[in-house]
Amino acid sequence: MSKNGKDMFAVHLPQIGQMQEGTCATCGQHTDFVFIGTQQYPSRVAEKLKVALIVQQWRCTQCHTTLSVSNAEQVA
């Protein structure tokens, strides 16, 4: 399906290096998270693991823990 020639269900990902503020579940600090990329799974693997096809990877700037977030978990 498309709207104006674009996929209506396209995933809009942040740019590498984009920052987002939040509280890290690991270190408990209110900090910035840096978008470091995505993990993409083949549909058969995602279905078996019960994860999203595309999972965003964010790194805590305090403790450097990597946080994996699916699009369904994103808060606008």
N, C-alpha and C. Protein backbone atom coordinates (compact mmCIF):
# COMPACT_ATOMS: atom_id res chain seq x y z
N MET A 1 0.84 -1.17 0.00
CA MET A 1 0.00 0.00 0.00
C MET A 1 0.89 1.23 0.00
N SER A 2 0.45 2.24 -0.69
CA SER A 2 1.25 3.45 -0.70
C SER A 2 0.37 4.68 -0.67
N LYS A 3 0.95 5.73 -0.21
CA LYS A 3 0.29 7.03 -0.17
C LYS A 3 1.28 8.01 -0.78
N ASN A 4 0.89 8.61 -1.91
CA ASN A 4 1.79 9.50 -2.64
C ASN A 4 3.08 8.81 -3.02
N GLY A 5 2.99 7.52 -3.36
CA GLY A 5 4.17 6.79 -3.80
C GLY A 5 5.08 6.31 -2.69
N LYS A 6 4.70 6.53 -1.43
CA LYS A 6 5.54 6.09 -0.32
C LYS A 6 4.83 5.03 0.48
N ASP A 7 5.60 4.13 1.05
CA ASP A 7 5.06 3.05 1.86
C ASP A 7 4.47 3.63 3.14
N MET A 8 3.18 3.40 3.37
CA MET A 8 2.49 3.94 4.55
C MET A 8 3.02 3.33 5.83
N PHE A 9 3.64 2.16 5.76
CA PHE A 9 4.11 1.47 6.95
C PHE A 9 5.62 1.55 7.09
N ALA A 10 6.25 2.46 6.39
CA ALA A 10 7.70 2.60 6.47
C ALA A 10 8.11 2.98 7.88
N VAL A 11 9.23 2.43 8.31
CA VAL A 11 9.77 2.73 9.63
C VAL A 11 10.65 3.97 9.52
N HIS A 12 10.37 4.95 10.35
CA HIS A 12 11.16 6.18 10.37
C HIS A 12 12.18 6.07 11.49
N LEU A 13 13.42 5.83 11.12
CA LEU A 13 14.48 5.62 12.10
C LEU A 13 15.22 6.91 12.38
N PRO A 14 15.75 7.04 13.60
CA PRO A 14 16.59 8.19 13.92
C PRO A 14 17.89 8.12 13.12
N GLN A 15 18.61 9.21 13.08
CA GLN A 15 19.92 9.24 12.44
C GLN A 15 20.97 8.73 13.43
N ILE A 16 21.99 8.05 12.92
CA ILE A 16 23.08 7.60 13.78
C ILE A 16 23.64 8.82 14.51
N GLY A 17 23.83 8.69 15.82
CA GLY A 17 24.35 9.79 16.63
C GLY A 17 23.28 10.65 17.26
N GLN A 18 22.02 10.48 16.83
CA GLN A 18 20.92 11.27 17.42
C GLN A 18 20.82 10.95 18.90
N MET A 19 20.53 11.97 19.71
CA MET A 19 20.44 11.80 21.15
C MET A 19 18.97 11.81 21.59
N GLN A 20 18.70 11.06 22.65
CA GLN A 20 17.38 11.05 23.27
C GLN A 20 17.60 10.96 24.78
N GLU A 21 16.87 11.78 25.52
CA GLU A 21 17.00 11.84 26.97
C GLU A 21 16.12 10.79 27.64
N GLY A 22 16.60 10.24 28.74
CA GLY A 22 15.80 9.28 29.48
C GLY A 22 16.56 8.78 30.70
N THR A 23 15.96 7.84 31.41
CA THR A 23 16.58 7.22 32.57
C THR A 23 17.03 5.82 32.20
N CYS A 24 18.28 5.52 32.46
CA CYS A 24 18.85 4.21 32.13
C CYS A 24 18.42 3.19 33.17
N ALA A 25 17.88 2.08 32.71
CA ALA A 25 17.43 1.01 33.60
C ALA A 25 18.61 0.31 34.28
N THR A 26 19.79 0.40 33.69
CA THR A 26 20.96 -0.28 34.25
C THR A 26 21.64 0.55 35.34
N CYS A 27 21.99 1.81 35.00
CA CYS A 27 22.73 2.63 35.97
C CYS A 27 21.83 3.54 36.79
N GLY A 28 20.57 3.70 36.37
CA GLY A 28 19.61 4.52 37.12
C GLY A 28 19.80 6.02 36.94
N GLN A 29 20.71 6.43 36.07
CA GLN A 29 20.99 7.85 35.86
C GLN A 29 20.04 8.44 34.81
N HIS A 30 19.62 9.69 35.04
CA HIS A 30 18.89 10.43 34.01
C HIS A 30 19.98 10.92 33.06
N THR A 31 19.94 10.47 31.82
CA THR A 31 21.06 10.66 30.91
C THR A 31 20.60 10.78 29.47
N ASP A 32 21.55 10.92 28.58
CA ASP A 32 21.28 10.89 27.14
C ASP A 32 21.59 9.50 26.62
N PHE A 33 20.81 9.09 25.62
CA PHE A 33 21.07 7.85 24.89
C PHE A 33 21.42 8.24 23.47
N VAL A 34 22.41 7.56 22.89
CA VAL A 34 22.85 7.82 21.53
C VAL A 34 22.36 6.68 20.64
N PHE A 35 21.70 7.04 19.52
CA PHE A 35 21.26 6.02 18.57
C PHE A 35 22.48 5.49 17.84
N ILE A 36 22.71 4.16 17.93
CA ILE A 36 23.90 3.57 17.31
C ILE A 36 23.58 2.65 16.14
N GLY A 37 22.30 2.45 15.85
CA GLY A 37 21.94 1.64 14.69
C GLY A 37 20.76 0.72 14.95
N THR A 38 20.62 -0.26 14.07
CA THR A 38 19.49 -1.19 14.18
C THR A 38 19.98 -2.63 14.10
N GLN A 39 19.19 -3.51 14.66
CA GLN A 39 19.36 -4.95 14.49
C GLN A 39 18.16 -5.39 13.65
N GLN A 40 18.41 -6.00 12.52
CA GLN A 40 17.32 -6.43 11.64
C GLN A 40 17.29 -7.95 11.57
N TYR A 41 16.11 -8.50 11.79
CA TYR A 41 15.93 -9.95 11.79
C TYR A 41 15.12 -10.38 10.58
N PRO A 42 15.46 -11.54 10.00
CA PRO A 42 14.59 -12.12 8.97
C PRO A 42 13.23 -12.43 9.62
N SER A 43 12.16 -12.37 8.85
CA SER A 43 10.82 -12.56 9.41
C SER A 43 10.66 -13.88 10.14
N ARG A 44 11.24 -14.95 9.64
CA ARG A 44 11.10 -16.25 10.31
C ARG A 44 11.79 -16.24 11.68
N VAL A 45 12.91 -15.55 11.79
CA VAL A 45 13.64 -15.46 13.06
C VAL A 45 12.87 -14.57 14.04
N ALA A 46 12.42 -13.41 13.56
CA ALA A 46 11.66 -12.49 14.42
C ALA A 46 10.41 -13.16 14.97
N GLU A 47 9.72 -13.92 14.13
CA GLU A 47 8.51 -14.61 14.57
C GLU A 47 8.83 -15.65 15.64
N LYS A 48 9.89 -16.40 15.43
CA LYS A 48 10.27 -17.44 16.39
C LYS A 48 10.72 -16.83 17.73
N LEU A 49 11.48 -15.72 17.67
CA LEU A 49 11.98 -15.06 18.88
C LEU A 49 10.95 -14.12 19.51
N LYS A 50 9.87 -13.86 18.75
CA LYS A 50 8.82 -12.93 19.19
C LYS A 50 9.39 -11.53 19.42
N VAL A 51 10.16 -11.07 18.42
CA VAL A 51 10.72 -9.72 18.43
C VAL A 51 10.31 -9.00 17.14
N ALA A 52 10.50 -7.70 17.12
CA ALA A 52 10.20 -6.91 15.92
C ALA A 52 11.23 -7.22 14.83
N LEU A 53 10.85 -6.96 13.59
CA LEU A 53 11.78 -7.15 12.47
C LEU A 53 12.97 -6.21 12.57
N ILE A 54 12.72 -4.99 13.02
CA ILE A 54 13.77 -3.98 13.18
C ILE A 54 13.76 -3.51 14.62
N VAL A 55 14.91 -3.62 15.28
CA VAL A 55 15.04 -3.20 16.67
C VAL A 55 16.09 -2.10 16.74
N GLN A 56 15.72 -0.98 17.33
CA GLN A 56 16.65 0.15 17.46
C GLN A 56 17.61 -0.11 18.60
N GLN A 57 18.86 0.31 18.42
CA GLN A 57 19.90 0.15 19.43
C GLN A 57 20.33 1.54 19.92
N TRP A 58 20.21 1.77 21.21
CA TRP A 58 20.58 3.04 21.84
C TRP A 58 21.62 2.75 22.92
N ARG A 59 22.62 3.63 23.07
CA ARG A 59 23.68 3.45 24.07
C ARG A 59 23.59 4.54 25.13
N CYS A 60 23.62 4.13 26.39
CA CYS A 60 23.62 5.06 27.51
C CYS A 60 24.98 5.77 27.54
N THR A 61 24.97 7.11 27.66
CA THR A 61 26.23 7.86 27.69
C THR A 61 26.92 7.80 29.04
N GLN A 62 26.24 7.27 30.06
CA GLN A 62 26.84 7.15 31.39
C GLN A 62 27.55 5.79 31.57
N CYS A 63 26.82 4.71 31.36
CA CYS A 63 27.37 3.37 31.64
C CYS A 63 27.63 2.55 30.37
N HIS A 64 27.25 3.08 29.22
CA HIS A 64 27.49 2.46 27.91
C HIS A 64 26.70 1.17 27.68
N THR A 65 25.65 0.95 28.46
CA THR A 65 24.76 -0.17 28.22
C THR A 65 24.01 0.06 26.92
N THR A 66 23.81 -0.98 26.13
CA THR A 66 23.02 -0.88 24.90
C THR A 66 21.59 -1.28 25.22
N LEU A 67 20.67 -0.41 24.84
CA LEU A 67 19.23 -0.62 25.05
C LEU A 67 18.62 -0.95 23.69
N SER A 68 17.91 -2.04 23.61
CA SER A 68 17.23 -2.45 22.38
C SER A 68 15.76 -2.08 22.48
N VAL A 69 15.25 -1.36 21.47
CA VAL A 69 13.88 -0.87 21.50
C VAL A 69 13.22 -1.15 20.16
N SER A 70 12.06 -1.82 20.19
CA SER A 70 11.32 -2.05 18.96
C SER A 70 10.47 -0.81 18.67
N ASN A 71 10.01 -0.67 17.45
CA ASN A 71 9.18 0.48 17.09
C ASN A 71 7.91 0.52 17.90
N ALA A 72 7.37 -0.64 18.26
CA ALA A 72 6.15 -0.69 19.06
C ALA A 72 6.37 -0.11 20.44
N GLU A 73 7.59 -0.11 20.91
CA GLU A 73 7.91 0.39 22.25
C GLU A 73 8.23 1.88 22.26
N GLN A 74 8.42 2.47 21.08
CA GLN A 74 8.78 3.88 21.00
C GLN A 74 7.66 4.75 21.54
N VAL A 75 8.02 5.78 22.25
CA VAL A 75 7.08 6.76 22.75
C VAL A 75 7.29 8.04 21.98
N ALA A 76 6.21 8.57 21.42
CA ALA A 76 6.32 9.80 20.60
C ALA A 76 6.63 11.00 21.47
